[in-house]
Amino acid sequence: ISTRAEVLQLRGDSPTTGNVFVIRSLLNSQGVLASETFVNCNNVVCGLMNDGKVYATGGADNFLLHELSQEIEPDLRSHTTEELEAACAVFIENTYILSIGERQYLYDFSTQAWTMAEGLTTDPIAGGNPRVIQMVLRYHF
């Protein structure tokens, strides 16, 4: 459950306690900038928060945030608020792909590193990244 002010998590209790559901604050007063960037990445949820940074939460540290975007922060700051609010993301082949305007940022969970691509074109000479468009086309069409 996300708003511009905060992110909450709805958790179910065990069946022996009567299936009680509890809403817990996931982030202390940190809201979501672009809800379309929140993606489940193999039990880790990644997304773009109000401070313009990408965070991950989940697994054993279910209520702790881990910033993923330190490496690309200068580039993220170059985008306008409107571009950031319109951002979206997908998770394909162990890669979180964040798309902001004409730029795609790929976070590979295997290497824990970012790469950047410009434009969704299969032509590398035109500045595109064939891997991005091939992955998107293969899994979404």
C-alpha atoms as a PDB file:
ATOM      1  CA  ILE A   1       0.000   0.000   0.000  1.00  0.00           C
ATOM      2  CA  SER A   2       1.688   3.213  -1.075  1.00  0.00           C
ATOM      3  CA  THR A   3       0.977   6.914  -0.999  1.00  0.00           C
ATOM      4  CA  ARG A   4       3.057  10.043  -1.536  1.00  0.00           C
ATOM      5  CA  ALA A   5       3.459  10.206   2.269  1.00  0.00           C
ATOM      6  CA  GLU A   6       4.274   6.622   3.245  1.00  0.00           C
ATOM      7  CA  VAL A   7       4.396   2.952   2.352  1.00  0.00           C
ATOM      8  CA  LEU A   8       2.459   0.402   4.383  1.00  0.00           C
ATOM      9  CA  GLN A   9       2.495  -3.376   4.352  1.00  0.00           C
ATOM     10  CA  LEU A  10      -0.555  -5.552   4.933  1.00  0.00           C
ATOM     11  CA  ARG A  11       0.479  -8.742   6.713  1.00  0.00           C
ATOM     12  CA  GLY A  12      -1.631 -11.719   7.644  1.00  0.00           C
ATOM     13  CA  ASP A  13      -1.279 -13.491  10.966  1.00  0.00           C
ATOM     14  CA  SER A  14      -1.326 -17.253  11.365  1.00  0.00           C
ATOM     15  CA  PRO A  15      -4.623 -19.145  10.979  1.00  0.00           C
ATOM     16  CA  THR A  16      -4.464 -20.202  14.647  1.00  0.00           C
ATOM     17  CA  THR A  17      -4.957 -16.587  15.744  1.00  0.00           C
ATOM     18  CA  GLY A  18      -8.052 -16.070  13.631  1.00  0.00           C
ATOM     19  CA  ASN A  19      -6.484 -14.680  10.448  1.00  0.00           C
ATOM     20  CA  VAL A  20      -5.794 -11.245  11.844  1.00  0.00           C
ATOM     21  CA  PHE A  21      -4.425  -8.765   9.345  1.00  0.00           C
ATOM     22  CA  VAL A  22      -2.108  -5.989  10.460  1.00  0.00           C
ATOM     23  CA  ILE A  23      -0.998  -2.878   8.599  1.00  0.00           C
ATOM     24  CA  ARG A  24       2.561  -1.854   9.447  1.00  0.00           C
ATOM     25  CA  SER A  25       4.472   1.185   8.298  1.00  0.00           C
ATOM     26  CA  LEU A  26       7.205   0.040   5.968  1.00  0.00           C
ATOM     27  CA  LEU A  27       8.969   3.355   5.668  1.00  0.00           C
ATOM     28  CA  ASN A  28       9.076   6.085   8.254  1.00  0.00           C
ATOM     29  CA  SER A  29       7.478   9.064   6.491  1.00  0.00           C
ATOM     30  CA  GLN A  30       9.104   8.164   3.150  1.00  0.00           C
ATOM     31  CA  GLY A  31       6.560   8.117   0.352  1.00  0.00           C
ATOM     32  CA  VAL A  32       6.464   6.856  -3.195  1.00  0.00           C
ATOM     33  CA  LEU A  33       7.324   9.185  -6.071  1.00  0.00           C
ATOM     34  CA  ALA A  34       6.293   6.842  -8.902  1.00  0.00           C
ATOM     35  CA  SER A  35       4.069   3.898  -8.001  1.00  0.00           C
ATOM     36  CA  GLU A  36       4.664   2.255 -11.406  1.00  0.00           C
ATOM     37  CA  THR A  37       8.308   1.731 -10.412  1.00  0.00           C
ATOM     38  CA  PHE A  38       7.443  -0.585  -7.505  1.00  0.00           C
ATOM     39  CA  VAL A  39       8.140  -4.116  -8.665  1.00  0.00           C
ATOM     40  CA  ASN A  40       8.524  -7.470  -6.939  1.00  0.00           C
ATOM     41  CA  CYS A  41      12.040  -8.682  -7.744  1.00  0.00           C
ATOM     42  CA  ASN A  42      12.201 -12.231  -6.341  1.00  0.00           C
ATOM     43  CA  ASN A  43      10.920 -11.403  -2.825  1.00  0.00           C
ATOM     44  CA  VAL A  44      12.538  -7.965  -2.832  1.00  0.00           C
ATOM     45  CA  VAL A  45      10.416  -4.934  -3.715  1.00  0.00           C
ATOM     46  CA  CYS A  46      12.213  -2.127  -5.533  1.00  0.00           C
ATOM     47  CA  GLY A  47      10.938   1.352  -6.289  1.00  0.00           C
ATOM     48  CA  LEU A  48      11.569   5.063  -6.721  1.00  0.00           C
ATOM     49  CA  MET A  49      10.879   7.003  -3.530  1.00  0.00           C
ATOM     50  CA  ASN A  50      10.067  10.694  -2.879  1.00  0.00           C
ATOM     51  CA  ASP A  51      13.742  11.590  -2.474  1.00  0.00           C
ATOM     52  CA  GLY A  52      14.399  10.495  -6.084  1.00  0.00           C
ATOM     53  CA  LYS A  53      16.373   7.383  -5.094  1.00  0.00           C
ATOM     54  CA  VAL A  54      15.733   3.702  -5.761  1.00  0.00           C
ATOM     55  CA  TYR A  55      15.300   1.503  -2.693  1.00  0.00           C
ATOM     56  CA  ALA A  56      14.798  -2.195  -2.084  1.00  0.00           C
ATOM     57  CA  THR A  57      13.021  -3.841   0.831  1.00  0.00           C
ATOM     58  CA  GLY A  58      12.053  -7.396   1.620  1.00  0.00           C
ATOM     59  CA  GLY A  59      13.543 -10.737   2.474  1.00  0.00           C
ATOM     60  CA  ALA A  60      14.883 -11.079   6.015  1.00  0.00           C
ATOM     61  CA  ASP A  61      14.946  -7.280   6.519  1.00  0.00           C
ATOM     62  CA  ASN A  62      11.289  -6.926   5.653  1.00  0.00           C
ATOM     63  CA  PHE A  63      10.833  -3.407   7.020  1.00  0.00           C
ATOM     64  CA  LEU A  64      14.278  -1.965   6.283  1.00  0.00           C
ATOM     65  CA  LEU A  65      15.143   0.077   3.217  1.00  0.00           C
ATOM     66  CA  HIS A  66      18.359  -0.441   1.322  1.00  0.00           C
ATOM     67  CA  GLU A  67      19.320   2.224  -1.186  1.00  0.00           C
ATOM     68  CA  LEU A  68      20.294   0.742  -4.547  1.00  0.00           C
ATOM     69  CA  SER A  69      20.835   3.904  -6.573  1.00  0.00           C
ATOM     70  CA  GLN A  70      24.032   5.435  -5.118  1.00  0.00           C
ATOM     71  CA  GLU A  71      25.904   4.628  -8.330  1.00  0.00           C
ATOM     72  CA  ILE A  72      23.374   6.420 -10.571  1.00  0.00           C
ATOM     73  CA  GLU A  73      22.250   9.222  -8.237  1.00  0.00           C
ATOM     74  CA  PRO A  74      23.912  12.065 -10.177  1.00  0.00           C
ATOM     75  CA  ASP A  75      22.090  10.956 -13.307  1.00  0.00           C
ATOM     76  CA  LEU A  76      18.767  10.508 -11.489  1.00  0.00           C
ATOM     77  CA  ARG A  77      19.045  14.099 -10.204  1.00  0.00           C
ATOM     78  CA  SER A  78      19.257  15.325 -13.820  1.00  0.00           C
ATOM     79  CA  HIS A  79      15.610  14.331 -14.419  1.00  0.00           C
ATOM     80  CA  THR A  80      12.706  16.675 -13.788  1.00  0.00           C
ATOM     81  CA  THR A  81      10.083  15.891 -11.153  1.00  0.00           C
ATOM     82  CA  GLU A  82       7.578  15.279 -13.956  1.00  0.00           C
ATOM     83  CA  GLU A  83       9.868  12.719 -15.594  1.00  0.00           C
ATOM     84  CA  LEU A  84      10.442  10.947 -12.270  1.00  0.00           C
ATOM     85  CA  GLU A  85       6.703  10.850 -11.486  1.00  0.00           C
ATOM     86  CA  ALA A  86       6.034   9.258 -14.903  1.00  0.00           C
ATOM     87  CA  ALA A  87       8.743   6.595 -14.477  1.00  0.00           C
ATOM     88  CA  CYS A  88       7.936   2.889 -14.664  1.00  0.00           C
ATOM     89  CA  ALA A  89       9.827  -0.352 -14.122  1.00  0.00           C
ATOM     90  CA  VAL A  90       9.806  -4.076 -14.855  1.00  0.00           C
ATOM     91  CA  PHE A  91      11.737  -7.044 -13.481  1.00  0.00           C
ATOM     92  CA  ILE A  92      13.040  -9.422 -16.136  1.00  0.00           C
ATOM     93  CA  GLU A  93      15.825 -12.015 -16.065  1.00  0.00           C
ATOM     94  CA  ASN A  94      17.042 -11.004 -12.594  1.00  0.00           C
ATOM     95  CA  THR A  95      17.248  -7.359 -13.734  1.00  0.00           C
ATOM     96  CA  TYR A  96      15.254  -4.386 -12.418  1.00  0.00           C
ATOM     97  CA  ILE A  97      14.704  -2.074 -15.409  1.00  0.00           C
ATOM     98  CA  LEU A  98      13.766   1.490 -14.470  1.00  0.00           C
ATOM     99  CA  SER A  99      12.588   3.640 -17.365  1.00  0.00           C
ATOM    100  CA  ILE A 100      12.637   7.427 -16.992  1.00  0.00           C
ATOM    101  CA  GLY A 101      11.869   9.356 -20.151  1.00  0.00           C
ATOM    102  CA  GLU A 102      14.124   8.053 -22.921  1.00  0.00           C
ATOM    103  CA  ARG A 103      16.577   6.474 -20.469  1.00  0.00           C
ATOM    104  CA  GLN A 104      16.581   3.003 -18.964  1.00  0.00           C
ATOM    105  CA  TYR A 105      18.573   2.046 -15.867  1.00  0.00           C
ATOM    106  CA  LEU A 106      19.232  -1.674 -15.456  1.00  0.00           C
ATOM    107  CA  TYR A 107      20.124  -3.070 -12.024  1.00  0.00           C
ATOM    108  CA  ASP A 108      21.447  -6.608 -12.298  1.00  0.00           C
ATOM    109  CA  PHE A 109      20.855  -8.470  -9.027  1.00  0.00           C
ATOM    110  CA  SER A 110      23.528 -11.035  -9.950  1.00  0.00           C
ATOM    111  CA  THR A 111      26.317  -8.468 -10.212  1.00  0.00           C
ATOM    112  CA  GLN A 112      24.667  -5.794  -8.027  1.00  0.00           C
ATOM    113  CA  ALA A 113      25.608  -3.178 -10.615  1.00  0.00           C
ATOM    114  CA  TRP A 114      23.799  -0.637 -12.777  1.00  0.00           C
ATOM    115  CA  THR A 115      24.061  -0.090 -16.517  1.00  0.00           C
ATOM    116  CA  MET A 116      22.307   2.622 -18.480  1.00  0.00           C
ATOM    117  CA  ALA A 117      20.637   2.618 -21.902  1.00  0.00           C
ATOM    118  CA  GLU A 118      19.179   5.433 -24.011  1.00  0.00           C
ATOM    119  CA  GLY A 119      15.969   4.833 -25.907  1.00  0.00           C
ATOM    120  CA  LEU A 120      14.085   1.647 -26.658  1.00  0.00           C
ATOM    121  CA  THR A 121      15.626   0.790 -29.990  1.00  0.00           C
ATOM    122  CA  THR A 122      17.298  -2.404 -31.152  1.00  0.00           C
ATOM    123  CA  ASP A 123      19.865  -0.400 -33.127  1.00  0.00           C
ATOM    124  CA  PRO A 124      23.025   0.057 -31.003  1.00  0.00           C
ATOM    125  CA  ILE A 125      24.374   2.550 -33.560  1.00  0.00           C
ATOM    126  CA  ALA A 126      21.382   4.788 -32.790  1.00  0.00           C
ATOM    127  CA  GLY A 127      22.218   4.610 -29.078  1.00  0.00           C
ATOM    128  CA  GLY A 128      19.777   1.877 -28.138  1.00  0.00           C
ATOM    129  CA  ASN A 129      20.341  -1.199 -26.039  1.00  0.00           C
ATOM    130  CA  PRO A 130      19.250  -4.370 -27.858  1.00  0.00           C
ATOM    131  CA  ARG A 131      19.164  -6.353 -24.592  1.00  0.00           C
ATOM    132  CA  VAL A 132      16.516  -4.065 -23.048  1.00  0.00           C
ATOM    133  CA  ILE A 133      14.091  -4.111 -25.958  1.00  0.00           C
ATOM    134  CA  GLN A 134      14.548  -7.851 -26.525  1.00  0.00           C
ATOM    135  CA  MET A 135      13.782  -8.606 -22.876  1.00  0.00           C
ATOM    136  CA  VAL A 136      10.743  -6.318 -22.832  1.00  0.00           C
ATOM    137  CA  LEU A 137       9.356  -7.698 -26.081  1.00  0.00           C
ATOM    138  CA  ARG A 138       9.952 -11.321 -25.073  1.00  0.00           C
ATOM    139  CA  TYR A 139       8.116 -11.004 -21.767  1.00  0.00           C
ATOM    140  CA  HIS A 140       5.362  -8.487 -22.454  1.00  0.00           C
ATOM    141  CA  PHE A 141       4.072  -9.164 -25.958  1.00  0.00           C
END
